[in-house]
Full PDB file with SEQRES, HELIX, SHEET, SSBOND, CRYST1, ORIGX, SCALE, CONECT and MASTER records, all heavy atoms in Angstrom:
SEQRES   1 A   31  ALA LEU TYR SER LEU LYS GLY ILE THR SER GLU GLU PHE          
SEQRES   2 A   31  LYS TYR VAL GLN GLN THR MET HIS GLY MET THR ASP GLN          
SEQRES   3 A   31  GLN GLY GLU GLN PHE                                          
HELIX    1 AA1 SER A   10  MET A   20  1                                  11    
HELIX    2 AA2 ASP A   25  GLN A   30  1                                   6    
CRYST1    1.000    1.000    1.000  90.00  90.00  90.00 P 1           1          
ORIGX1      1.000000  0.000000  0.000000        0.00000                         
ORIGX2      0.000000  1.000000  0.000000        0.00000                         
ORIGX3      0.000000  0.000000  1.000000        0.00000                         
SCALE1      1.000000  0.000000  0.000000        0.00000                         
SCALE2      0.000000  1.000000  0.000000        0.00000                         
SCALE3      0.000000  0.000000  1.000000        0.00000                         
ATOM      1  N   ALA A   1      92.257-109.044 -19.488  1.00  0.00           N  
ATOM      2  CA  ALA A   1      93.086-107.884 -19.421  1.00  0.00           C  
ATOM      3  C   ALA A   1      92.366-106.655 -19.757  1.00  0.00           C  
ATOM      4  O   ALA A   1      92.602-105.588 -19.243  1.00  0.00           O  
ATOM      5  CB  ALA A   1      94.340-108.072 -20.344  1.00  0.00           C  
ATOM      6  N   LEU A   2      91.376-106.803 -20.608  1.00  0.00           N  
ATOM      7  CA  LEU A   2      90.524-105.635 -21.005  1.00  0.00           C  
ATOM      8  C   LEU A   2      89.699-105.210 -19.813  1.00  0.00           C  
ATOM      9  O   LEU A   2      89.471-104.039 -19.537  1.00  0.00           O  
ATOM     10  CB  LEU A   2      89.652-105.960 -22.191  1.00  0.00           C  
ATOM     11  CG  LEU A   2      90.250-105.921 -23.563  1.00  0.00           C  
ATOM     12  CD1 LEU A   2      89.182-106.394 -24.629  1.00  0.00           C  
ATOM     13  CD2 LEU A   2      90.700-104.580 -23.847  1.00  0.00           C  
ATOM     14  N   TYR A   3      89.175-106.195 -19.085  1.00  0.00           N  
ATOM     15  CA  TYR A   3      88.333-105.853 -17.935  1.00  0.00           C  
ATOM     16  C   TYR A   3      89.094-105.111 -16.880  1.00  0.00           C  
ATOM     17  O   TYR A   3      88.558-104.376 -16.039  1.00  0.00           O  
ATOM     18  CB  TYR A   3      87.707-107.125 -17.347  1.00  0.00           C  
ATOM     19  CG  TYR A   3      86.607-107.712 -18.258  1.00  0.00           C  
ATOM     20  CD1 TYR A   3      86.681-108.963 -18.806  1.00  0.00           C  
ATOM     21  CD2 TYR A   3      85.444-106.996 -18.462  1.00  0.00           C  
ATOM     22  CE1 TYR A   3      85.745-109.499 -19.529  1.00  0.00           C  
ATOM     23  CE2 TYR A   3      84.439-107.561 -19.251  1.00  0.00           C  
ATOM     24  CZ  TYR A   3      84.663-108.781 -19.807  1.00  0.00           C  
ATOM     25  OH  TYR A   3      83.651-109.339 -20.563  1.00  0.00           O  
ATOM     26  N   SER A   4      90.379-105.419 -16.756  1.00  0.00           N  
ATOM     27  CA  SER A   4      91.199-104.776 -15.752  1.00  0.00           C  
ATOM     28  C   SER A   4      91.643-103.321 -16.057  1.00  0.00           C  
ATOM     29  O   SER A   4      92.199-102.722 -15.168  1.00  0.00           O  
ATOM     30  CB  SER A   4      92.476-105.627 -15.506  1.00  0.00           C  
ATOM     31  OG  SER A   4      93.325-105.563 -16.568  1.00  0.00           O  
ATOM     32  N   LEU A   5      91.334-102.844 -17.281  1.00  0.00           N  
ATOM     33  CA  LEU A   5      91.752-101.470 -17.629  1.00  0.00           C  
ATOM     34  C   LEU A   5      90.965-100.468 -16.846  1.00  0.00           C  
ATOM     35  O   LEU A   5      89.689-100.547 -16.769  1.00  0.00           O  
ATOM     36  CB  LEU A   5      91.617-101.251 -19.109  1.00  0.00           C  
ATOM     37  CG  LEU A   5      92.522-102.036 -19.945  1.00  0.00           C  
ATOM     38  CD1 LEU A   5      92.208-101.822 -21.472  1.00  0.00           C  
ATOM     39  CD2 LEU A   5      93.937-101.719 -19.756  1.00  0.00           C  
ATOM     40  N   LYS A   6      91.608 -99.511 -16.207  1.00  0.00           N  
ATOM     41  CA  LYS A   6      91.020 -98.514 -15.421  1.00  0.00           C  
ATOM     42  C   LYS A   6      90.142 -97.584 -16.182  1.00  0.00           C  
ATOM     43  O   LYS A   6      90.539 -97.047 -17.209  1.00  0.00           O  
ATOM     44  CB  LYS A   6      92.085 -97.679 -14.650  1.00  0.00           C  
ATOM     45  CG  LYS A   6      91.556 -96.638 -13.837  1.00  0.00           C  
ATOM     46  CD  LYS A   6      92.731 -95.841 -13.143  1.00  0.00           C  
ATOM     47  CE  LYS A   6      92.509 -94.380 -13.406  1.00  0.00           C  
ATOM     48  NZ  LYS A   6      93.703 -93.594 -12.974  1.00  0.00           N  
ATOM     49  N   GLY A   7      88.830 -97.541 -15.840  1.00  0.00           N  
ATOM     50  CA  GLY A   7      87.887 -96.571 -16.530  1.00  0.00           C  
ATOM     51  C   GLY A   7      87.535 -96.909 -17.920  1.00  0.00           C  
ATOM     52  O   GLY A   7      87.107 -96.028 -18.665  1.00  0.00           O  
ATOM     53  N   ILE A   8      87.594 -98.175 -18.292  1.00  0.00           N  
ATOM     54  CA  ILE A   8      87.278 -98.558 -19.631  1.00  0.00           C  
ATOM     55  C   ILE A   8      85.868 -98.461 -19.903  1.00  0.00           C  
ATOM     56  O   ILE A   8      84.997 -98.869 -19.021  1.00  0.00           O  
ATOM     57  CB  ILE A   8      87.819 -99.965 -20.031  1.00  0.00           C  
ATOM     58  CG1 ILE A   8      87.664-100.168 -21.575  1.00  0.00           C  
ATOM     59  CG2 ILE A   8      87.118-101.037 -19.251  1.00  0.00           C  
ATOM     60  CD1 ILE A   8      88.487-101.390 -22.064  1.00  0.00           C  
ATOM     61  N   THR A   9      85.423 -97.814 -21.003  1.00  0.00           N  
ATOM     62  CA  THR A   9      83.979 -97.658 -21.304  1.00  0.00           C  
ATOM     63  C   THR A   9      83.580 -98.767 -22.207  1.00  0.00           C  
ATOM     64  O   THR A   9      84.413 -99.482 -22.821  1.00  0.00           O  
ATOM     65  CB  THR A   9      83.732 -96.291 -22.075  1.00  0.00           C  
ATOM     66  OG1 THR A   9      84.465 -96.304 -23.356  1.00  0.00           O  
ATOM     67  CG2 THR A   9      84.188 -95.108 -21.260  1.00  0.00           C  
ATOM     68  N   SER A  10      82.344 -99.032 -22.296  1.00  0.00           N  
ATOM     69  CA  SER A  10      81.771-100.069 -23.145  1.00  0.00           C  
ATOM     70  C   SER A  10      82.177 -99.874 -24.644  1.00  0.00           C  
ATOM     71  O   SER A  10      82.497-100.804 -25.311  1.00  0.00           O  
ATOM     72  CB  SER A  10      80.278-100.251 -22.985  1.00  0.00           C  
ATOM     73  OG  SER A  10      79.597 -99.064 -23.350  1.00  0.00           O  
ATOM     74  N   GLU A  11      82.126 -98.588 -25.046  1.00  0.00           N  
ATOM     75  CA  GLU A  11      82.523 -98.258 -26.381  1.00  0.00           C  
ATOM     76  C   GLU A  11      83.962 -98.623 -26.669  1.00  0.00           C  
ATOM     77  O   GLU A  11      84.298 -99.247 -27.702  1.00  0.00           O  
ATOM     78  CB  GLU A  11      82.313 -96.772 -26.603  1.00  0.00           C  
ATOM     79  CG  GLU A  11      82.669 -96.268 -28.005  1.00  0.00           C  
ATOM     80  CD  GLU A  11      82.405 -94.783 -28.129  1.00  0.00           C  
ATOM     81  OE1 GLU A  11      81.485 -94.226 -27.480  1.00  0.00           O  
ATOM     82  OE2 GLU A  11      83.159 -94.160 -28.891  1.00  0.00           O  
ATOM     83  N   GLU A  12      84.832 -98.276 -25.739  1.00  0.00           N  
ATOM     84  CA  GLU A  12      86.269 -98.579 -25.972  1.00  0.00           C  
ATOM     85  C   GLU A  12      86.467-100.061 -25.869  1.00  0.00           C  
ATOM     86  O   GLU A  12      87.213-100.635 -26.668  1.00  0.00           O  
ATOM     87  CB  GLU A  12      87.105 -97.907 -24.789  1.00  0.00           C  
ATOM     88  CG  GLU A  12      88.583 -98.169 -24.877  1.00  0.00           C  
ATOM     89  CD  GLU A  12      89.395 -97.628 -23.777  1.00  0.00           C  
ATOM     90  OE1 GLU A  12      88.782 -96.946 -22.853  1.00  0.00           O  
ATOM     91  OE2 GLU A  12      90.587 -97.824 -23.738  1.00  0.00           O  
ATOM     92  N   PHE A  13      85.792-100.775 -25.008  1.00  0.00           N  
ATOM     93  CA  PHE A  13      85.925-102.193 -24.834  1.00  0.00           C  
ATOM     94  C   PHE A  13      85.555-102.892 -26.208  1.00  0.00           C  
ATOM     95  O   PHE A  13      86.252-103.749 -26.668  1.00  0.00           O  
ATOM     96  CB  PHE A  13      84.982-102.795 -23.758  1.00  0.00           C  
ATOM     97  CG  PHE A  13      85.181-104.194 -23.507  1.00  0.00           C  
ATOM     98  CD1 PHE A  13      86.070-104.705 -22.595  1.00  0.00           C  
ATOM     99  CD2 PHE A  13      84.315-105.133 -24.105  1.00  0.00           C  
ATOM    100  CE1 PHE A  13      86.223-106.040 -22.342  1.00  0.00           C  
ATOM    101  CE2 PHE A  13      84.370-106.452 -23.842  1.00  0.00           C  
ATOM    102  CZ  PHE A  13      85.365-106.917 -22.947  1.00  0.00           C  
ATOM    103  N   LYS A  14      84.448-102.498 -26.805  1.00  0.00           N  
ATOM    104  CA  LYS A  14      84.010-103.107 -28.060  1.00  0.00           C  
ATOM    105  C   LYS A  14      84.983-102.793 -29.173  1.00  0.00           C  
ATOM    106  O   LYS A  14      85.308-103.614 -30.017  1.00  0.00           O  
ATOM    107  CB  LYS A  14      82.627-102.568 -28.447  1.00  0.00           C  
ATOM    108  CG  LYS A  14      81.519-103.076 -27.592  1.00  0.00           C  
ATOM    109  CD  LYS A  14      80.202-102.392 -27.977  1.00  0.00           C  
ATOM    110  CE  LYS A  14      79.109-102.751 -26.990  1.00  0.00           C  
ATOM    111  NZ  LYS A  14      77.864-102.054 -27.190  1.00  0.00           N  
ATOM    112  N   TYR A  15      85.530-101.538 -29.178  1.00  0.00           N  
ATOM    113  CA  TYR A  15      86.470-101.138 -30.240  1.00  0.00           C  
ATOM    114  C   TYR A  15      87.762-101.958 -30.100  1.00  0.00           C  
ATOM    115  O   TYR A  15      88.253-102.459 -31.173  1.00  0.00           O  
ATOM    116  CB  TYR A  15      86.805 -99.649 -30.157  1.00  0.00           C  
ATOM    117  CG  TYR A  15      87.652 -99.161 -31.298  1.00  0.00           C  
ATOM    118  CD1 TYR A  15      87.093 -99.003 -32.534  1.00  0.00           C  
ATOM    119  CD2 TYR A  15      88.968 -99.030 -31.148  1.00  0.00           C  
ATOM    120  CE1 TYR A  15      87.840 -98.584 -33.646  1.00  0.00           C  
ATOM    121  CE2 TYR A  15      89.811 -98.641 -32.186  1.00  0.00           C  
ATOM    122  CZ  TYR A  15      89.243 -98.411 -33.416  1.00  0.00           C  
ATOM    123  OH  TYR A  15      89.985 -98.018 -34.516  1.00  0.00           O  
ATOM    124  N   VAL A  16      88.271-102.113 -28.931  1.00  0.00           N  
ATOM    125  CA  VAL A  16      89.525-102.903 -28.772  1.00  0.00           C  
ATOM    126  C   VAL A  16      89.273-104.405 -29.062  1.00  0.00           C  
ATOM    127  O   VAL A  16      90.179-104.988 -29.745  1.00  0.00           O  
ATOM    128  CB  VAL A  16      90.054-102.715 -27.244  1.00  0.00           C  
ATOM    129  CG1 VAL A  16      91.197-103.692 -27.053  1.00  0.00           C  
ATOM    130  CG2 VAL A  16      90.506-101.284 -27.081  1.00  0.00           C  
ATOM    131  N   GLN A  17      88.124-104.908 -28.672  1.00  0.00           N  
ATOM    132  CA  GLN A  17      87.806-106.272 -29.114  1.00  0.00           C  
ATOM    133  C   GLN A  17      87.763-106.418 -30.604  1.00  0.00           C  
ATOM    134  O   GLN A  17      88.371-107.414 -31.140  1.00  0.00           O  
ATOM    135  CB  GLN A  17      86.429-106.695 -28.575  1.00  0.00           C  
ATOM    136  CG  GLN A  17      86.497-107.367 -27.187  1.00  0.00           C  
ATOM    137  CD  GLN A  17      85.119-107.890 -26.836  1.00  0.00           C  
ATOM    138  OE1 GLN A  17      84.051-107.385 -27.116  1.00  0.00           O  
ATOM    139  NE2 GLN A  17      85.105-109.008 -26.126  1.00  0.00           N  
ATOM    140  N   GLN A  18      87.204-105.518 -31.311  1.00  0.00           N  
ATOM    141  CA  GLN A  18      87.162-105.522 -32.772  1.00  0.00           C  
ATOM    142  C   GLN A  18      88.568-105.460 -33.357  1.00  0.00           C  
ATOM    143  O   GLN A  18      88.911-106.093 -34.348  1.00  0.00           O  
ATOM    144  CB  GLN A  18      86.276-104.419 -33.304  1.00  0.00           C  
ATOM    145  CG  GLN A  18      84.791-104.649 -33.087  1.00  0.00           C  
ATOM    146  CD  GLN A  18      83.956-103.459 -33.490  1.00  0.00           C  
ATOM    147  OE1 GLN A  18      84.569-102.360 -33.761  1.00  0.00           O  
ATOM    148  NE2 GLN A  18      82.689-103.575 -33.630  1.00  0.00           N  
ATOM    149  N   THR A  19      89.387-104.579 -32.763  1.00  0.00           N  
ATOM    150  CA  THR A  19      90.723-104.379 -33.244  1.00  0.00           C  
ATOM    151  C   THR A  19      91.580-105.630 -33.044  1.00  0.00           C  
ATOM    152  O   THR A  19      92.377-105.941 -33.963  1.00  0.00           O  
ATOM    153  CB  THR A  19      91.387-103.227 -32.427  1.00  0.00           C  
ATOM    154  OG1 THR A  19      90.608-102.010 -32.615  1.00  0.00           O  
ATOM    155  CG2 THR A  19      92.776-102.938 -32.922  1.00  0.00           C  
ATOM    156  N   MET A  20      91.358-106.361 -31.963  1.00  0.00           N  
ATOM    157  CA  MET A  20      92.106-107.546 -31.636  1.00  0.00           C  
ATOM    158  C   MET A  20      91.597-108.807 -32.409  1.00  0.00           C  
ATOM    159  O   MET A  20      92.247-109.801 -32.449  1.00  0.00           O  
ATOM    160  CB  MET A  20      92.104-107.783 -30.184  1.00  0.00           C  
ATOM    161  CG  MET A  20      92.858-106.777 -29.417  1.00  0.00           C  
ATOM    162  SD  MET A  20      92.786-107.030 -27.575  1.00  0.00           S  
ATOM    163  CE  MET A  20      93.725-108.599 -27.448  1.00  0.00           C  
ATOM    164  N   HIS A  21      90.469-108.623 -33.088  1.00  0.00           N  
ATOM    165  CA  HIS A  21      89.857-109.827 -33.700  1.00  0.00           C  
ATOM    166  C   HIS A  21      90.813-110.313 -34.814  1.00  0.00           C  
ATOM    167  O   HIS A  21      91.301-109.495 -35.661  1.00  0.00           O  
ATOM    168  CB  HIS A  21      88.550-109.422 -34.350  1.00  0.00           C  
ATOM    169  CG  HIS A  21      87.857-110.559 -35.031  1.00  0.00           C  
ATOM    170  ND1 HIS A  21      87.334-111.629 -34.360  1.00  0.00           N  
ATOM    171  CD2 HIS A  21      87.693-110.875 -36.361  1.00  0.00           C  
ATOM    172  CE1 HIS A  21      86.793-112.484 -35.163  1.00  0.00           C  
ATOM    173  NE2 HIS A  21      87.014-112.079 -36.448  1.00  0.00           N  
ATOM    174  N   GLY A  22      91.104-111.567 -34.831  1.00  0.00           N  
ATOM    175  CA  GLY A  22      91.963-112.167 -35.872  1.00  0.00           C  
ATOM    176  C   GLY A  22      93.412-112.154 -35.508  1.00  0.00           C  
ATOM    177  O   GLY A  22      94.296-112.689 -36.208  1.00  0.00           O  
ATOM    178  N   MET A  23      93.820-111.603 -34.334  1.00  0.00           N  
ATOM    179  CA  MET A  23      95.202-111.617 -33.899  1.00  0.00           C  
ATOM    180  C   MET A  23      95.506-112.985 -33.257  1.00  0.00           C  
ATOM    181  O   MET A  23      94.671-113.643 -32.575  1.00  0.00           O  
ATOM    182  CB  MET A  23      95.502-110.560 -32.839  1.00  0.00           C  
ATOM    183  CG  MET A  23      95.528-109.146 -33.343  1.00  0.00           C  
ATOM    184  SD  MET A  23      95.973-108.020 -32.000  1.00  0.00           S  
ATOM    185  CE  MET A  23      95.882-106.501 -32.853  1.00  0.00           C  
ATOM    186  N   THR A  24      96.769-113.416 -33.395  1.00  0.00           N  
ATOM    187  CA  THR A  24      97.205-114.641 -32.672  1.00  0.00           C  
ATOM    188  C   THR A  24      97.291-114.279 -31.211  1.00  0.00           C  
ATOM    189  O   THR A  24      97.251-113.170 -30.841  1.00  0.00           O  
ATOM    190  CB  THR A  24      98.536-115.134 -33.279  1.00  0.00           C  
ATOM    191  OG1 THR A  24      99.532-114.104 -32.945  1.00  0.00           O  
ATOM    192  CG2 THR A  24      98.490-115.340 -34.732  1.00  0.00           C  
ATOM    193  N   ASP A  25      97.419-115.349 -30.464  1.00  0.00           N  
ATOM    194  CA  ASP A  25      97.562-115.109 -28.999  1.00  0.00           C  
ATOM    195  C   ASP A  25      98.751-114.223 -28.689  1.00  0.00           C  
ATOM    196  O   ASP A  25      98.674-113.383 -27.848  1.00  0.00           O  
ATOM    197  CB  ASP A  25      97.672-116.462 -28.254  1.00  0.00           C  
ATOM    198  CG  ASP A  25      96.306-117.151 -28.125  1.00  0.00           C  
ATOM    199  OD1 ASP A  25      95.262-116.451 -28.321  1.00  0.00           O  
ATOM    200  OD2 ASP A  25      96.288-118.380 -27.928  1.00  0.00           O  
ATOM    201  N   GLN A  26      99.892-114.446 -29.380  1.00  0.00           N  
ATOM    202  CA  GLN A  26     101.074-113.719 -29.179  1.00  0.00           C  
ATOM    203  C   GLN A  26     100.888-112.269 -29.560  1.00  0.00           C  
ATOM    204  O   GLN A  26     101.277-111.328 -28.815  1.00  0.00           O  
ATOM    205  CB  GLN A  26     102.255-114.314 -29.933  1.00  0.00           C  
ATOM    206  CG  GLN A  26     103.532-113.606 -29.622  1.00  0.00           C  
ATOM    207  CD  GLN A  26     104.718-114.251 -30.432  1.00  0.00           C  
ATOM    208  OE1 GLN A  26     104.500-115.058 -31.341  1.00  0.00           O  
ATOM    209  NE2 GLN A  26     105.919-113.660 -30.201  1.00  0.00           N  
ATOM    210  N   GLN A  27     100.254-112.030 -30.721  1.00  0.00           N  
ATOM    211  CA  GLN A  27      99.956-110.674 -31.109  1.00  0.00           C  
ATOM    212  C   GLN A  27      98.988-110.009 -30.124  1.00  0.00           C  
ATOM    213  O   GLN A  27      99.212-108.799 -29.764  1.00  0.00           O  
ATOM    214  CB  GLN A  27      99.356-110.609 -32.473  1.00  0.00           C  
ATOM    215  CG  GLN A  27     100.330-111.000 -33.601  1.00  0.00           C  
ATOM    216  CD  GLN A  27      99.598-111.121 -34.951  1.00  0.00           C  
ATOM    217  OE1 GLN A  27      98.368-111.533 -35.042  1.00  0.00           O  
ATOM    218  NE2 GLN A  27     100.297-110.817 -36.059  1.00  0.00           N  
ATOM    219  N   GLY A  28      98.055-110.710 -29.610  1.00  0.00           N  
ATOM    220  CA  GLY A  28      97.074-110.201 -28.650  1.00  0.00           C  
ATOM    221  C   GLY A  28      97.812-109.771 -27.376  1.00  0.00           C  
ATOM    222  O   GLY A  28      97.486-108.646 -26.791  1.00  0.00           O  
ATOM    223  N   GLU A  29      98.684-110.559 -26.878  1.00  0.00           N  
ATOM    224  CA  GLU A  29      99.487-110.296 -25.681  1.00  0.00           C  
ATOM    225  C   GLU A  29     100.279-109.040 -25.905  1.00  0.00           C  
ATOM    226  O   GLU A  29     100.359-108.157 -25.021  1.00  0.00           O  
ATOM    227  CB  GLU A  29     100.326-111.402 -25.275  1.00  0.00           C  
ATOM    228  CG  GLU A  29      99.525-112.570 -24.730  1.00  0.00           C  
ATOM    229  CD  GLU A  29     100.432-113.829 -24.417  1.00  0.00           C  
ATOM    230  OE1 GLU A  29     101.647-113.605 -24.219  1.00  0.00           O  
ATOM    231  OE2 GLU A  29      99.863-114.879 -24.360  1.00  0.00           O  
ATOM    232  N   GLN A  30     101.005-108.931 -27.083  1.00  0.00           N  
ATOM    233  CA  GLN A  30     101.802-107.836 -27.296  1.00  0.00           C  
ATOM    234  C   GLN A  30     100.910-106.554 -27.448  1.00  0.00           C  
ATOM    235  O   GLN A  30     101.309-105.523 -26.923  1.00  0.00           O  
ATOM    236  CB  GLN A  30     102.553-107.953 -28.657  1.00  0.00           C  
ATOM    237  CG  GLN A  30     103.707-108.975 -28.625  1.00  0.00           C  
ATOM    238  CD  GLN A  30     104.368-109.123 -29.984  1.00  0.00           C  
ATOM    239  OE1 GLN A  30     103.774-108.862 -31.034  1.00  0.00           O  
ATOM    240  NE2 GLN A  30     105.603-109.525 -29.944  1.00  0.00           N  
ATOM    241  N   PHE A  31      99.784-106.657 -28.156  1.00  0.00           N  
ATOM    242  CA  PHE A  31      98.923-105.521 -28.188  1.00  0.00           C  
ATOM    243  C   PHE A  31      98.524-105.037 -26.827  1.00  0.00           C  
ATOM    244  O   PHE A  31      98.595-103.806 -26.557  1.00  0.00           O  
ATOM    245  CB  PHE A  31      97.658-105.892 -29.048  1.00  0.00           C  
ATOM    246  CG  PHE A  31      96.660-104.883 -29.094  1.00  0.00           C  
ATOM    247  CD1 PHE A  31      96.701-103.888 -30.130  1.00  0.00           C  
ATOM    248  CD2 PHE A  31      95.598-104.761 -28.160  1.00  0.00           C  
ATOM    249  CE1 PHE A  31      95.770-102.895 -30.128  1.00  0.00           C  
ATOM    250  CE2 PHE A  31      94.661-103.743 -28.228  1.00  0.00           C  
ATOM    251  CZ  PHE A  31      94.737-102.795 -29.218  1.00  0.00           C  
TER     252      PHE A  31                                                      
MASTER        0    0    0    2    0    0    0    6  251    1    0    3          
END                                                                             
């Protein structure tokens, strides 16, 4: 889902990955 975001930069990708770290699958989907 992150890869499909229009115009995502590598910086944003890394930040969102870090933000989602530790979330359950359900929380990740909601996020």
